[in-house]
């Protein structure tokens, strides 16, 4: 799938340069993730965040083998394209 990340390079702070299977590339800023809580609270440690790895089998960014961010999300953040329909919230289907 073209969302797969084929190259990743930590730059600085929360910036990672990525290249996707379809040839698109750019820089993603993941600073907002440190405020999401839960497992992502580990991102408050800049040294931990710097340890980002690319799982080449799945084309996904990962940290310590336990944290990852969907490549579709990274693709959307880099390109500005919307998330795939299957990842979007069902707007208008909430109970009244």
PDB file of N, CA and C in Angstrom:
ATOM      1  N   UNK A   1       0.845  -1.184   0.000  1.00  0.00           N
ATOM      2  CA  UNK A   1       0.000   0.000   0.000  1.00  0.00           C
ATOM      3  C   UNK A   1       0.886   1.241   0.000  1.00  0.00           C
ATOM      4  N   UNK A   2       0.474   2.287  -0.681  1.00  0.00           N
ATOM      5  CA  UNK A   2       1.327   3.455  -0.842  1.00  0.00           C
ATOM      6  C   UNK A   2       1.540   4.256   0.426  1.00  0.00           C
ATOM      7  N   UNK A   3       0.823   3.962   1.506  1.00  0.00           N
ATOM      8  CA  UNK A   3       1.031   4.666   2.767  1.00  0.00           C
ATOM      9  C   UNK A   3       2.289   4.181   3.489  1.00  0.00           C
ATOM     10  N   UNK A   4       2.812   3.042   3.087  1.00  0.00           N
ATOM     11  CA  UNK A   4       3.966   2.481   3.781  1.00  0.00           C
ATOM     12  C   UNK A   4       5.146   3.433   3.732  1.00  0.00           C
ATOM     13  N   UNK A   5       5.797   3.576   4.872  1.00  0.00           N
ATOM     14  CA  UNK A   5       6.987   4.409   4.965  1.00  0.00           C
ATOM     15  C   UNK A   5       8.179   3.535   4.591  1.00  0.00           C
ATOM     16  N   UNK A   6       9.009   4.021   3.667  1.00  0.00           N
ATOM     17  CA  UNK A   6      10.170   3.245   3.228  1.00  0.00           C
ATOM     18  C   UNK A   6      11.483   3.843   3.735  1.00  0.00           C
ATOM     19  N   UNK A   7      11.448   5.104   4.149  1.00  0.00           N
ATOM     20  CA  UNK A   7      12.629   5.742   4.720  1.00  0.00           C
ATOM     21  C   UNK A   7      12.180   6.691   5.820  1.00  0.00           C
ATOM     22  N   UNK A   8      12.976   6.767   6.876  1.00  0.00           N
ATOM     23  CA  UNK A   8      12.678   7.691   7.970  1.00  0.00           C
ATOM     24  C   UNK A   8      13.986   8.149   8.588  1.00  0.00           C
ATOM     25  N   UNK A   9      14.034   9.436   8.902  1.00  0.00           N
ATOM     26  CA  UNK A   9      15.240  10.008   9.508  1.00  0.00           C
ATOM     27  C   UNK A   9      14.821  11.026  10.560  1.00  0.00           C
ATOM     28  N   UNK A  10      15.252  10.798  11.789  1.00  0.00           N
ATOM     29  CA  UNK A  10      15.002  11.774  12.854  1.00  0.00           C
ATOM     30  C   UNK A  10      15.804  13.027  12.530  1.00  0.00           C
ATOM     31  N   UNK A  11      15.169  14.202  12.630  1.00  0.00           N
ATOM     32  CA  UNK A  11      15.852  15.460  12.347  1.00  0.00           C
ATOM     33  C   UNK A  11      16.207  16.199  13.638  1.00  0.00           C
ATOM     34  N   UNK A  12      15.185  16.661  14.346  1.00  0.00           N
ATOM     35  CA  UNK A  12      15.378  17.358  15.613  1.00  0.00           C
ATOM     36  C   UNK A  12      14.018  17.510  16.281  1.00  0.00           C
ATOM     37  N   UNK A  13      14.049  17.823  17.580  1.00  0.00           N
ATOM     38  CA  UNK A  13      12.818  18.007  18.340  1.00  0.00           C
ATOM     39  C   UNK A  13      11.853  16.856  18.060  1.00  0.00           C
ATOM     40  N   UNK A  14      10.713  17.146  17.447  1.00  0.00           N
ATOM     41  CA  UNK A  14       9.726  16.114  17.130  1.00  0.00           C
ATOM     42  C   UNK A  14       9.540  15.978  15.616  1.00  0.00           C
ATOM     43  N   UNK A  15      10.564  16.334  14.879  1.00  0.00           N
ATOM     44  CA  UNK A  15      10.501  16.303  13.420  1.00  0.00           C
ATOM     45  C   UNK A  15      11.185  15.060  12.858  1.00  0.00           C
ATOM     46  N   UNK A  16      10.476  14.385  11.972  1.00  0.00           N
ATOM     47  CA  UNK A  16      11.001  13.193  11.310  1.00  0.00           C
ATOM     48  C   UNK A  16      10.762  13.350   9.816  1.00  0.00           C
ATOM     49  N   UNK A  17      11.808  13.134   9.046  1.00  0.00           N
ATOM     50  CA  UNK A  17      11.683  13.156   7.589  1.00  0.00           C
ATOM     51  C   UNK A  17      11.313  11.750   7.129  1.00  0.00           C
ATOM     52  N   UNK A  18      10.283  11.655   6.305  1.00  0.00           N
ATOM     53  CA  UNK A  18       9.803  10.351   5.851  1.00  0.00           C
ATOM     54  C   UNK A  18       9.635  10.325   4.340  1.00  0.00           C
ATOM     55  N   UNK A  19       9.754   9.124   3.785  1.00  0.00           N
ATOM     56  CA  UNK A  19       9.475   8.891   2.370  1.00  0.00           C
ATOM     57  C   UNK A  19       8.554   7.682   2.295  1.00  0.00           C
ATOM     58  N   UNK A  20       7.542   7.780   1.433  1.00  0.00           N
ATOM     59  CA  UNK A  20       6.537   6.745   1.307  1.00  0.00           C
ATOM     60  C   UNK A  20       6.770   5.892   0.058  1.00  0.00           C
ATOM     61  N   UNK A  21       6.137   4.751   0.037  1.00  0.00           N
ATOM     62  CA  UNK A  21       6.266   3.792  -1.055  1.00  0.00           C
ATOM     63  C   UNK A  21       5.933   4.414  -2.412  1.00  0.00           C
ATOM     64  N   UNK A  22       5.001   5.359  -2.433  1.00  0.00           N
ATOM     65  CA  UNK A  22       4.601   5.978  -3.701  1.00  0.00           C
ATOM     66  C   UNK A  22       5.535   7.116  -4.123  1.00  0.00           C
ATOM     67  N   UNK A  23       6.613   7.351  -3.355  1.00  0.00           N
ATOM     68  CA  UNK A  23       7.592   8.372  -3.709  1.00  0.00           C
ATOM     69  C   UNK A  23       7.377   9.713  -3.036  1.00  0.00           C
ATOM     70  N   UNK A  24       6.214   9.947  -2.469  1.00  0.00           N
ATOM     71  CA  UNK A  24       5.979  11.207  -1.760  1.00  0.00           C
ATOM     72  C   UNK A  24       6.832  11.235  -0.501  1.00  0.00           C
ATOM     73  N   UNK A  25       7.232  12.445  -0.111  1.00  0.00           N
ATOM     74  CA  UNK A  25       8.068  12.578   1.079  1.00  0.00           C
ATOM     75  C   UNK A  25       7.819  13.928   1.724  1.00  0.00           C
ATOM     76  N   UNK A  26       8.304  14.057   2.935  1.00  0.00           N
ATOM     77  CA  UNK A  26       8.160  15.312   3.654  1.00  0.00           C
ATOM     78  C   UNK A  26       8.573  15.147   5.094  1.00  0.00           C
ATOM     79  N   UNK A  27       8.301  16.172   5.863  1.00  0.00           N
ATOM     80  CA  UNK A  27       8.664  16.192   7.276  1.00  0.00           C
ATOM     81  C   UNK A  27       7.385  16.205   8.102  1.00  0.00           C
ATOM     82  N   UNK A  28       7.328  15.316   9.081  1.00  0.00           N
ATOM     83  CA  UNK A  28       6.174  15.249   9.972  1.00  0.00           C
ATOM     84  C   UNK A  28       6.603  15.758  11.345  1.00  0.00           C
ATOM     85  N   UNK A  29       5.751  16.586  11.950  1.00  0.00           N
ATOM     86  CA  UNK A  29       5.968  17.103  13.294  1.00  0.00           C
ATOM     87  C   UNK A  29       5.022  16.365  14.225  1.00  0.00           C
ATOM     88  N   UNK A  30       5.576  15.566  15.130  1.00  0.00           N
ATOM     89  CA  UNK A  30       4.756  14.747  16.018  1.00  0.00           C
ATOM     90  C   UNK A  30       4.723  15.281  17.446  1.00  0.00           C
ATOM     91  N   UNK A  31       5.029  16.555  17.634  1.00  0.00           N
ATOM     92  CA  UNK A  31       5.057  17.120  18.980  1.00  0.00           C
ATOM     93  C   UNK A  31       3.714  16.989  19.690  1.00  0.00           C
ATOM     94  N   UNK A  32       2.614  17.124  18.962  1.00  0.00           N
ATOM     95  CA  UNK A  32       1.287  17.032  19.586  1.00  0.00           C
ATOM     96  C   UNK A  32       1.047  15.684  20.264  1.00  0.00           C
ATOM     97  N   UNK A  33       1.753  14.655  19.831  1.00  0.00           N
ATOM     98  CA  UNK A  33       1.538  13.324  20.400  1.00  0.00           C
ATOM     99  C   UNK A  33       1.982  13.220  21.854  1.00  0.00           C
ATOM    100  N   UNK A  34       2.930  14.042  22.275  1.00  0.00           N
ATOM    101  CA  UNK A  34       3.389  13.955  23.668  1.00  0.00           C
ATOM    102  C   UNK A  34       2.289  14.388  24.638  1.00  0.00           C
ATOM    103  N   UNK A  35       1.284  15.100  24.152  1.00  0.00           N
ATOM    104  CA  UNK A  35       0.173  15.566  24.986  1.00  0.00           C
ATOM    105  C   UNK A  35      -1.050  14.662  24.913  1.00  0.00           C
ATOM    106  N   UNK A  36      -0.972  13.579  24.153  1.00  0.00           N
ATOM    107  CA  UNK A  36      -2.122  12.684  23.992  1.00  0.00           C
ATOM    108  C   UNK A  36      -2.316  11.775  25.195  1.00  0.00           C
ATOM    109  N   UNK A  37      -1.304  11.678  26.045  1.00  0.00           N
ATOM    110  CA  UNK A  37      -1.422  10.836  27.235  1.00  0.00           C
ATOM    111  C   UNK A  37      -1.199   9.373  26.922  1.00  0.00           C
ATOM    112  N   UNK A  38      -1.468   8.546  27.915  1.00  0.00           N
ATOM    113  CA  UNK A  38      -1.289   7.106  27.755  1.00  0.00           C
ATOM    114  C   UNK A  38       0.129   6.766  27.361  1.00  0.00           C
ATOM    115  N   UNK A  39       0.254   5.834  26.464  1.00  0.00           N
ATOM    116  CA  UNK A  39       1.567   5.365  26.024  1.00  0.00           C
ATOM    117  C   UNK A  39       2.384   6.486  25.389  1.00  0.00           C
ATOM    118  N   UNK A  40       1.702   7.466  24.775  1.00  0.00           N
ATOM    119  CA  UNK A  40       2.412   8.565  24.122  1.00  0.00           C
ATOM    120  C   UNK A  40       3.051   9.531  25.103  1.00  0.00           C
ATOM    121  N   UNK A  41       2.725   9.434  26.387  1.00  0.00           N
ATOM    122  CA  UNK A  41       3.373  10.305  27.370  1.00  0.00           C
ATOM    123  C   UNK A  41       4.880  10.051  27.419  1.00  0.00           C
ATOM    124  N   UNK A  42       5.316   8.901  26.926  1.00  0.00           N
ATOM    125  CA  UNK A  42       6.755   8.619  26.848  1.00  0.00           C
ATOM    126  C   UNK A  42       7.466   9.601  25.916  1.00  0.00           C
ATOM    127  N   UNK A  43       6.713  10.213  25.012  1.00  0.00           N
ATOM    128  CA  UNK A  43       7.297  11.191  24.086  1.00  0.00           C
ATOM    129  C   UNK A  43       7.726  12.470  24.804  1.00  0.00           C
ATOM    130  N   UNK A  44       7.323  12.662  26.060  1.00  0.00           N
ATOM    131  CA  UNK A  44       7.783  13.816  26.826  1.00  0.00           C
ATOM    132  C   UNK A  44       9.281  13.744  27.110  1.00  0.00           C
ATOM    133  N   UNK A  45       9.851  12.580  26.963  1.00  0.00           N
ATOM    134  CA  UNK A  45      11.298  12.397  27.086  1.00  0.00           C
ATOM    135  C   UNK A  45      11.894  12.497  25.685  1.00  0.00           C
ATOM    136  N   UNK A  46      12.542  13.627  25.371  1.00  0.00           N
ATOM    137  CA  UNK A  46      13.091  13.808  24.024  1.00  0.00           C
ATOM    138  C   UNK A  46      14.073  12.705  23.625  1.00  0.00           C
ATOM    139  N   UNK A  47      14.803  12.173  24.580  1.00  0.00           N
ATOM    140  CA  UNK A  47      15.750  11.096  24.267  1.00  0.00           C
ATOM    141  C   UNK A  47      15.014   9.836  23.815  1.00  0.00           C
ATOM    142  N   UNK A  48      13.871   9.564  24.420  1.00  0.00           N
ATOM    143  CA  UNK A  48      13.054   8.427  23.995  1.00  0.00           C
ATOM    144  C   UNK A  48      12.545   8.659  22.576  1.00  0.00           C
ATOM    145  N   UNK A  49      12.034   9.862  22.313  1.00  0.00           N
ATOM    146  CA  UNK A  49      11.477  10.146  20.983  1.00  0.00           C
ATOM    147  C   UNK A  49      12.537   9.984  19.897  1.00  0.00           C
ATOM    148  N   UNK A  50      13.755  10.393  20.187  1.00  0.00           N
ATOM    149  CA  UNK A  50      14.851  10.295  19.209  1.00  0.00           C
ATOM    150  C   UNK A  50      15.124   8.853  18.785  1.00  0.00           C
ATOM    151  N   UNK A  51      14.680   7.901  19.560  1.00  0.00           N
ATOM    152  CA  UNK A  51      14.964   6.488  19.292  1.00  0.00           C
ATOM    153  C   UNK A  51      14.003   5.891  18.270  1.00  0.00           C
ATOM    154  N   UNK A  52      13.358   6.730  17.483  1.00  0.00           N
ATOM    155  CA  UNK A  52      12.402   6.263  16.472  1.00  0.00           C
ATOM    156  C   UNK A  52      13.095   5.304  15.497  1.00  0.00           C
ATOM    157  N   UNK A  53      12.374   4.258  15.158  1.00  0.00           N
ATOM    158  CA  UNK A  53      12.858   3.271  14.196  1.00  0.00           C
ATOM    159  C   UNK A  53      11.801   3.078  13.115  1.00  0.00           C
ATOM    160  N   UNK A  54      12.232   2.573  11.988  1.00  0.00           N
ATOM    161  CA  UNK A  54      11.304   2.221  10.920  1.00  0.00           C
ATOM    162  C   UNK A  54      11.182   0.707  10.879  1.00  0.00           C
ATOM    163  N   UNK A  55       9.981   0.204  11.120  1.00  0.00           N
ATOM    164  CA  UNK A  55       9.714  -1.215  10.958  1.00  0.00           C
ATOM    165  C   UNK A  55       9.472  -1.424   9.467  1.00  0.00           C
ATOM    166  N   UNK A  56      10.488  -1.917   8.767  1.00  0.00           N
ATOM    167  CA  UNK A  56      10.418  -2.039   7.311  1.00  0.00           C
ATOM    168  C   UNK A  56       9.413  -3.098   6.856  1.00  0.00           C
ATOM    169  N   UNK A  57       9.144  -4.073   7.709  1.00  0.00           N
ATOM    170  CA  UNK A  57       8.178  -5.117   7.343  1.00  0.00           C
ATOM    171  C   UNK A  57       6.775  -4.530   7.186  1.00  0.00           C
ATOM    172  N   UNK A  58       6.427  -3.582   8.059  1.00  0.00           N
ATOM    173  CA  UNK A  58       5.090  -2.994   8.034  1.00  0.00           C
ATOM    174  C   UNK A  58       5.066  -1.552   7.550  1.00  0.00           C
ATOM    175  N   UNK A  59       6.235  -0.945   7.319  1.00  0.00           N
ATOM    176  CA  UNK A  59       6.288   0.434   6.844  1.00  0.00           C
ATOM    177  C   UNK A  59       5.746   1.420   7.853  1.00  0.00           C
ATOM    178  N   UNK A  60       6.104   1.240   9.123  1.00  0.00           N
ATOM    179  CA  UNK A  60       5.548   2.057  10.195  1.00  0.00           C
ATOM    180  C   UNK A  60       6.673   2.562  11.108  1.00  0.00           C
ATOM    181  N   UNK A  61       6.489   3.779  11.629  1.00  0.00           N
ATOM    182  CA  UNK A  61       7.405   4.315  12.629  1.00  0.00           C
ATOM    183  C   UNK A  61       7.087   3.664  13.963  1.00  0.00           C
ATOM    184  N   UNK A  62       8.134   3.317  14.705  1.00  0.00           N
ATOM    185  CA  UNK A  62       7.933   2.658  15.985  1.00  0.00           C
ATOM    186  C   UNK A  62       8.976   3.117  16.995  1.00  0.00           C
ATOM    187  N   UNK A  63       8.607   3.031  18.249  1.00  0.00           N
ATOM    188  CA  UNK A  63       9.495   3.378  19.343  1.00  0.00           C
ATOM    189  C   UNK A  63       9.517   2.206  20.308  1.00  0.00           C
ATOM    190  N   UNK A  64      10.688   1.716  20.595  1.00  0.00           N
ATOM    191  CA  UNK A  64      10.888   0.657  21.586  1.00  0.00           C
ATOM    192  C   UNK A  64      10.020  -0.571  21.308  1.00  0.00           C
ATOM    193  N   UNK A  65       9.596  -0.757  20.075  1.00  0.00           N
ATOM    194  CA  UNK A  65       8.814  -1.923  19.712  1.00  0.00           C
ATOM    195  C   UNK A  65       7.416  -1.977  20.296  1.00  0.00           C
ATOM    196  N   UNK A  66       7.021  -0.936  21.022  1.00  0.00           N
ATOM    197  CA  UNK A  66       5.698  -0.973  21.658  1.00  0.00           C
ATOM    198  C   UNK A  66       4.804   0.189  21.262  1.00  0.00           C
ATOM    199  N   UNK A  67       5.373   1.236  20.738  1.00  0.00           N
ATOM    200  CA  UNK A  67       4.586   2.394  20.322  1.00  0.00           C
ATOM    201  C   UNK A  67       4.742   2.542  18.816  1.00  0.00           C
ATOM    202  N   UNK A  68       3.648   2.747  18.123  1.00  0.00           N
ATOM    203  CA  UNK A  68       3.726   3.063  16.700  1.00  0.00           C
ATOM    204  C   UNK A  68       2.579   3.999  16.337  1.00  0.00           C
ATOM    205  N   UNK A  69       2.759   4.651  15.212  1.00  0.00           N
ATOM    206  CA  UNK A  69       1.722   5.538  14.681  1.00  0.00           C
ATOM    207  C   UNK A  69       1.405   5.041  13.277  1.00  0.00           C
ATOM    208  N   UNK A  70       0.138   4.863  12.996  1.00  0.00           N
ATOM    209  CA  UNK A  70      -0.289   4.323  11.701  1.00  0.00           C
ATOM    210  C   UNK A  70       0.332   5.119  10.558  1.00  0.00           C
ATOM    211  N   UNK A  71       0.872   4.426   9.566  1.00  0.00           N
ATOM    212  CA  UNK A  71       1.471   5.136   8.439  1.00  0.00           C
ATOM    213  C   UNK A  71       0.461   5.997   7.683  1.00  0.00           C
ATOM    214  N   UNK A  72      -0.820   5.606   7.721  1.00  0.00           N
ATOM    215  CA  UNK A  72      -1.854   6.424   7.083  1.00  0.00           C
ATOM    216  C   UNK A  72      -1.952   7.788   7.758  1.00  0.00           C
ATOM    217  N   UNK A  73      -1.783   7.805   9.080  1.00  0.00           N
ATOM    218  CA  UNK A  73      -1.814   9.063   9.830  1.00  0.00           C
ATOM    219  C   UNK A  73      -0.617   9.918   9.471  1.00  0.00           C
ATOM    220  N   UNK A  74       0.556   9.315   9.420  1.00  0.00           N
ATOM    221  CA  UNK A  74       1.775  10.047   9.056  1.00  0.00           C
ATOM    222  C   UNK A  74       1.624  10.613   7.642  1.00  0.00           C
ATOM    223  N   UNK A  75       1.104   9.800   6.728  1.00  0.00           N
ATOM    224  CA  UNK A  75       0.903  10.233   5.338  1.00  0.00           C
ATOM    225  C   UNK A  75      -0.007  11.458   5.282  1.00  0.00           C
ATOM    226  N   UNK A  76      -1.092  11.416   6.015  1.00  0.00           N
ATOM    227  CA  UNK A  76      -2.028  12.537   6.038  1.00  0.00           C
ATOM    228  C   UNK A  76      -1.368  13.798   6.597  1.00  0.00           C
ATOM    229  N   UNK A  77      -0.602  13.644   7.663  1.00  0.00           N
ATOM    230  CA  UNK A  77       0.076  14.801   8.262  1.00  0.00           C
ATOM    231  C   UNK A  77       1.109  15.398   7.311  1.00  0.00           C
ATOM    232  N   UNK A  78       1.808  14.558   6.570  1.00  0.00           N
ATOM    233  CA  UNK A  78       2.852  15.034   5.654  1.00  0.00           C
ATOM    234  C   UNK A  78       2.263  15.663   4.400  1.00  0.00           C
ATOM    235  N   UNK A  79       1.261  15.029   3.809  1.00  0.00           N
ATOM    236  CA  UNK A  79       0.752  15.470   2.513  1.00  0.00           C
ATOM    237  C   UNK A  79      -0.450  16.404   2.609  1.00  0.00           C
ATOM    238  N   UNK A  80      -1.125  16.405   3.757  1.00  0.00           N
ATOM    239  CA  UNK A  80      -2.344  17.201   3.886  1.00  0.00           C
ATOM    240  C   UNK A  80      -3.553  16.507   3.291  1.00  0.00           C
ATOM    241  N   UNK A  81      -3.362  15.305   2.771  1.00  0.00           N
ATOM    242  CA  UNK A  81      -4.484  14.542   2.219  1.00  0.00           C
ATOM    243  C   UNK A  81      -5.301  13.959   3.366  1.00  0.00           C
ATOM    244  N   UNK A  82      -6.596  13.766   3.158  1.00  0.00           N
ATOM    245  CA  UNK A  82      -7.438  13.217   4.240  1.00  0.00           C
ATOM    246  C   UNK A  82      -7.067  11.773   4.557  1.00  0.00           C
ATOM    247  N   UNK A  83      -7.400  11.378   5.769  1.00  0.00           N
ATOM    248  CA  UNK A  83      -7.236   9.984   6.154  1.00  0.00           C
ATOM    249  C   UNK A  83      -8.130   9.121   5.277  1.00  0.00           C
ATOM    250  N   UNK A  84      -7.772   7.852   5.092  1.00  0.00           N
ATOM    251  CA  UNK A  84      -8.670   6.957   4.352  1.00  0.00           C
ATOM    252  C   UNK A  84     -10.038   6.911   5.043  1.00  0.00           C
ATOM    253  N   UNK A  85     -11.074   6.683   4.282  1.00  0.00           N
ATOM    254  CA  UNK A  85     -12.438   6.684   4.819  1.00  0.00           C
ATOM    255  C   UNK A  85     -12.594   5.728   5.997  1.00  0.00           C
ATOM    256  N   UNK A  86     -11.928   4.580   5.950  1.00  0.00           N
ATOM    257  CA  UNK A  86     -12.085   3.601   7.032  1.00  0.00           C
ATOM    258  C   UNK A  86     -11.466   4.076   8.347  1.00  0.00           C
ATOM    259  N   UNK A  87     -10.650   5.133   8.321  1.00  0.00           N
ATOM    260  CA  UNK A  87     -10.032   5.658   9.537  1.00  0.00           C
ATOM    261  C   UNK A  87     -10.765   6.874  10.097  1.00  0.00           C
ATOM    262  N   UNK A  88     -11.679   7.445   9.316  1.00  0.00           N
ATOM    263  CA  UNK A  88     -12.359   8.656   9.749  1.00  0.00           C
ATOM    264  C   UNK A  88     -13.512   8.326  10.688  1.00  0.00           C
ATOM    265  N   UNK A  89     -13.762   9.246  11.616  1.00  0.00           N
ATOM    266  CA  UNK A  89     -14.872   9.077  12.545  1.00  0.00           C
ATOM    267  C   UNK A  89     -16.184   9.184  11.785  1.00  0.00           C
ATOM    268  N   UNK A  90     -17.172   8.451  12.246  1.00  0.00           N
ATOM    269  CA  UNK A  90     -18.503   8.511  11.646  1.00  0.00           C
ATOM    270  C   UNK A  90     -19.228   9.751  12.156  1.00  0.00           C
ATOM    271  N   UNK A  91     -19.109  10.826  11.449  1.00  0.00           N
ATOM    272  CA  UNK A  91     -19.749  12.076  11.843  1.00  0.00           C
ATOM    273  C   UNK A  91     -21.234  11.980  11.548  1.00  0.00           C
ATOM    274  N   UNK A  92     -22.039  12.402  12.497  1.00  0.00           N
ATOM    275  CA  UNK A  92     -23.485  12.401  12.302  1.00  0.00           C
ATOM    276  C   UNK A  92     -24.154  11.122  12.738  1.00  0.00           C
ATOM    277  N   UNK A  93     -23.367  10.148  13.192  1.00  0.00           N
ATOM    278  CA  UNK A  93     -23.947   8.880  13.638  1.00  0.00           C
ATOM    279  C   UNK A  93     -24.003   8.775  15.152  1.00  0.00           C
ATOM    280  N   UNK A  94     -23.711   9.873  15.843  1.00  0.00           N
ATOM    281  CA  UNK A  94     -23.760   9.845  17.298  1.00  0.00           C
ATOM    282  C   UNK A  94     -25.220   9.834  17.768  1.00  0.00           C
ATOM    283  N   UNK A  95     -25.417   9.228  18.904  1.00  0.00           N
ATOM    284  CA  UNK A  95     -26.773   9.224  19.493  1.00  0.00           C
ATOM    285  C   UNK A  95     -27.132  10.622  19.957  1.00  0.00           C
ATOM    286  N   UNK A  96     -28.369  11.006  19.767  1.00  0.00           N
ATOM    287  CA  UNK A  96     -28.808  12.356  20.176  1.00  0.00           C
ATOM    288  C   UNK A  96     -29.139  12.390  21.632  1.00  0.00           C
TER     289      UNK A  96
END
